[in-house]
Every structure is written in structure tokens, then in C-alpha cells.
């Protein structure tokens, strides 16, 4: 998680550290898992229907592509949540000239 402590009011002190894969896996939500599984489940029959001469190979290939797309989508959502949470925490610890 993002447990960086802010010790000064300079903008450089508010720079988040690099997100690790462990942070991403901890932040994957149930909705992300549903999208991941849903994309995989939708791509399997799609590959079977469109791959008439080689249905099984086409289905497996489409399933792998759907699995990969779902994984990337889930990890991107997890990373966006980490970045958003960091910026919310950073805005609470510093005084902005626009906020009173």
C-alpha cells in the first residue's frame, strides 16, 4: 500500500513510489475479477463460432486473448485505484491555495 509519509510541503515529497505487482494484486476488486472472468467466458464461444475449420484451436486462442485482456484491464483498474488513493491522501496532508 502507499504508506509514504510526507515530511515537507514541497511537491517532490508527494511523489508516489513505483507500484509493485504485489500492490496491484492486493487492489484487484471483485468487480475486476468479474470483468476478467467475463471477458474470458465471452471469448471462448466467440472463438468456437468463428473458427469453423479449426474450432477447438480457435476457441483456445480466443480464450487466451480474452483472459489476457481481462487481466490487463483488471491490473489497470487496480493501478488507477492506487494512484487515486495516493492523490486523495496527498491532498488531505497539504494545503492547496484553492482549498480553504
C-alpha atoms as a PDB file:
ATOM      1  CA  UNK A   1       0.000   0.000   0.000  1.00  0.00           C
ATOM      2  CA  UNK A   2       1.012   3.596  -0.292  1.00  0.00           C
ATOM      3  CA  UNK A   3       2.427   4.307   3.144  1.00  0.00           C
ATOM      4  CA  UNK A   4       4.802   7.117   2.204  1.00  0.00           C
ATOM      5  CA  UNK A   5       4.971   9.806   4.844  1.00  0.00           C
ATOM      6  CA  UNK A   6       5.068  13.420   3.777  1.00  0.00           C
ATOM      7  CA  UNK A   7       7.788  15.262   5.657  1.00  0.00           C
ATOM      8  CA  UNK A   8       7.817  18.576   3.810  1.00  0.00           C
ATOM      9  CA  UNK A   9       5.388  20.674   1.852  1.00  0.00           C
ATOM     10  CA  UNK A  10       7.403  20.573  -1.372  1.00  0.00           C
ATOM     11  CA  UNK A  11       5.785  18.905  -4.389  1.00  0.00           C
ATOM     12  CA  UNK A  12       8.728  16.494  -4.637  1.00  0.00           C
ATOM     13  CA  UNK A  13       7.735  14.980  -1.302  1.00  0.00           C
ATOM     14  CA  UNK A  14       4.357  13.998  -2.769  1.00  0.00           C
ATOM     15  CA  UNK A  15       5.770  11.781  -5.492  1.00  0.00           C
ATOM     16  CA  UNK A  16       4.494   8.192  -5.080  1.00  0.00           C
ATOM     17  CA  UNK A  17       6.878   5.287  -5.229  1.00  0.00           C
ATOM     18  CA  UNK A  18       6.654   2.821  -8.088  1.00  0.00           C
ATOM     19  CA  UNK A  19       3.699   0.457  -7.823  1.00  0.00           C
ATOM     20  CA  UNK A  20       4.708  -3.178  -7.332  1.00  0.00           C
ATOM     21  CA  UNK A  21       2.872  -6.232  -8.623  1.00  0.00           C
ATOM     22  CA  UNK A  22       2.063  -7.116  -5.016  1.00  0.00           C
ATOM     23  CA  UNK A  23       0.289  -3.764  -4.618  1.00  0.00           C
ATOM     24  CA  UNK A  24      -1.689  -4.413  -7.784  1.00  0.00           C
ATOM     25  CA  UNK A  25      -2.789  -7.911  -6.760  1.00  0.00           C
ATOM     26  CA  UNK A  26      -3.893  -6.605  -3.351  1.00  0.00           C
ATOM     27  CA  UNK A  27      -6.054  -3.937  -5.001  1.00  0.00           C
ATOM     28  CA  UNK A  28      -7.920  -6.107  -7.508  1.00  0.00           C
ATOM     29  CA  UNK A  29     -11.601  -5.939  -6.586  1.00  0.00           C
ATOM     30  CA  UNK A  30     -14.430  -8.416  -7.073  1.00  0.00           C
ATOM     31  CA  UNK A  31     -15.662  -6.306  -9.985  1.00  0.00           C
ATOM     32  CA  UNK A  32     -12.273  -6.617 -11.664  1.00  0.00           C
ATOM     33  CA  UNK A  33     -12.379 -10.381 -11.227  1.00  0.00           C
ATOM     34  CA  UNK A  34     -15.887 -10.461 -12.713  1.00  0.00           C
ATOM     35  CA  UNK A  35     -14.760  -8.498 -15.775  1.00  0.00           C
ATOM     36  CA  UNK A  36     -11.693 -10.723 -16.110  1.00  0.00           C
ATOM     37  CA  UNK A  37     -13.783 -13.894 -15.984  1.00  0.00           C
ATOM     38  CA  UNK A  38     -16.491 -12.369 -18.166  1.00  0.00           C
ATOM     39  CA  UNK A  39     -14.091 -11.447 -20.956  1.00  0.00           C
ATOM     40  CA  UNK A  40     -12.630 -14.932 -20.875  1.00  0.00           C
ATOM     41  CA  UNK A  41     -16.084 -16.519 -20.893  1.00  0.00           C
ATOM     42  CA  UNK A  42     -17.267 -14.352 -23.789  1.00  0.00           C
ATOM     43  CA  UNK A  43     -14.215 -15.005 -25.932  1.00  0.00           C
ATOM     44  CA  UNK A  44     -14.367 -18.806 -25.693  1.00  0.00           C
ATOM     45  CA  UNK A  45     -17.658 -19.262 -27.601  1.00  0.00           C
ATOM     46  CA  UNK A  46     -16.747 -16.389 -29.908  1.00  0.00           C
ATOM     47  CA  UNK A  47     -13.638 -18.286 -30.988  1.00  0.00           C
ATOM     48  CA  UNK A  48     -15.600 -21.515 -31.338  1.00  0.00           C
ATOM     49  CA  UNK A  49     -18.280 -19.933 -33.530  1.00  0.00           C
ATOM     50  CA  UNK A  50     -15.881 -18.045 -35.809  1.00  0.00           C
ATOM     51  CA  UNK A  51     -13.269 -20.784 -36.138  1.00  0.00           C
ATOM     52  CA  UNK A  52     -15.247 -23.172 -38.326  1.00  0.00           C
ATOM     53  CA  UNK A  53     -12.426 -25.277 -39.793  1.00  0.00           C
ATOM     54  CA  UNK A  54     -10.432 -25.440 -36.550  1.00  0.00           C
ATOM     55  CA  UNK A  55     -12.989 -24.723 -33.840  1.00  0.00           C
ATOM     56  CA  UNK A  56     -11.060 -26.038 -30.835  1.00  0.00           C
ATOM     57  CA  UNK A  57      -7.815 -24.232 -31.649  1.00  0.00           C
ATOM     58  CA  UNK A  58      -9.680 -21.033 -32.425  1.00  0.00           C
ATOM     59  CA  UNK A  59     -11.644 -21.281 -29.178  1.00  0.00           C
ATOM     60  CA  UNK A  60      -8.486 -21.789 -27.112  1.00  0.00           C
ATOM     61  CA  UNK A  61      -6.740 -18.882 -28.833  1.00  0.00           C
ATOM     62  CA  UNK A  62      -9.717 -16.550 -28.348  1.00  0.00           C
ATOM     63  CA  UNK A  63      -9.974 -17.653 -24.709  1.00  0.00           C
ATOM     64  CA  UNK A  64      -6.315 -16.856 -24.106  1.00  0.00           C
ATOM     65  CA  UNK A  65      -6.768 -13.432 -25.718  1.00  0.00           C
ATOM     66  CA  UNK A  66      -9.847 -12.764 -23.571  1.00  0.00           C
ATOM     67  CA  UNK A  67      -8.012 -13.927 -20.440  1.00  0.00           C
ATOM     68  CA  UNK A  68      -5.088 -11.624 -21.245  1.00  0.00           C
ATOM     69  CA  UNK A  69      -7.342  -8.644 -21.993  1.00  0.00           C
ATOM     70  CA  UNK A  70      -9.240  -9.201 -18.740  1.00  0.00           C
ATOM     71  CA  UNK A  71      -6.009  -9.444 -16.761  1.00  0.00           C
ATOM     72  CA  UNK A  72      -4.604  -6.232 -18.233  1.00  0.00           C
ATOM     73  CA  UNK A  73      -7.916  -4.426 -17.642  1.00  0.00           C
ATOM     74  CA  UNK A  74      -8.018  -5.595 -14.006  1.00  0.00           C
ATOM     75  CA  UNK A  75      -4.432  -4.552 -13.326  1.00  0.00           C
ATOM     76  CA  UNK A  76      -5.040  -1.134 -14.921  1.00  0.00           C
ATOM     77  CA  UNK A  77      -8.089  -0.600 -12.710  1.00  0.00           C
ATOM     78  CA  UNK A  78      -6.126  -1.632  -9.618  1.00  0.00           C
ATOM     79  CA  UNK A  79      -3.313   0.764 -10.527  1.00  0.00           C
ATOM     80  CA  UNK A  80      -5.802   3.600 -11.093  1.00  0.00           C
ATOM     81  CA  UNK A  81      -7.254   2.996  -7.620  1.00  0.00           C
ATOM     82  CA  UNK A  82      -3.776   3.091  -6.062  1.00  0.00           C
ATOM     83  CA  UNK A  83      -2.921   6.368  -7.806  1.00  0.00           C
ATOM     84  CA  UNK A  84      -6.287   7.907  -6.939  1.00  0.00           C
ATOM     85  CA  UNK A  85      -5.944   6.912  -3.273  1.00  0.00           C
ATOM     86  CA  UNK A  86      -2.445   8.400  -3.152  1.00  0.00           C
ATOM     87  CA  UNK A  87      -3.611  11.723  -4.578  1.00  0.00           C
ATOM     88  CA  UNK A  88      -6.574  11.867  -2.195  1.00  0.00           C
ATOM     89  CA  UNK A  89      -4.238  11.234   0.752  1.00  0.00           C
ATOM     90  CA  UNK A  90      -1.728  13.785  -0.564  1.00  0.00           C
ATOM     91  CA  UNK A  91      -4.404  16.469  -0.908  1.00  0.00           C
ATOM     92  CA  UNK A  92      -5.522  15.930   2.666  1.00  0.00           C
ATOM     93  CA  UNK A  93      -1.992  16.409   4.038  1.00  0.00           C
ATOM     94  CA  UNK A  94      -1.085  19.614   2.190  1.00  0.00           C
ATOM     95  CA  UNK A  95      -2.819  22.947   1.950  1.00  0.00           C
ATOM     96  CA  UNK A  96      -3.712  23.944  -1.558  1.00  0.00           C
ATOM     97  CA  UNK A  97      -4.202  27.630  -2.367  1.00  0.00           C
ATOM     98  CA  UNK A  98      -7.509  26.661  -3.997  1.00  0.00           C
ATOM     99  CA  UNK A  99      -8.866  24.860  -0.918  1.00  0.00           C
ATOM    100  CA  UNK A 100      -9.800  26.649   2.266  1.00  0.00           C
END
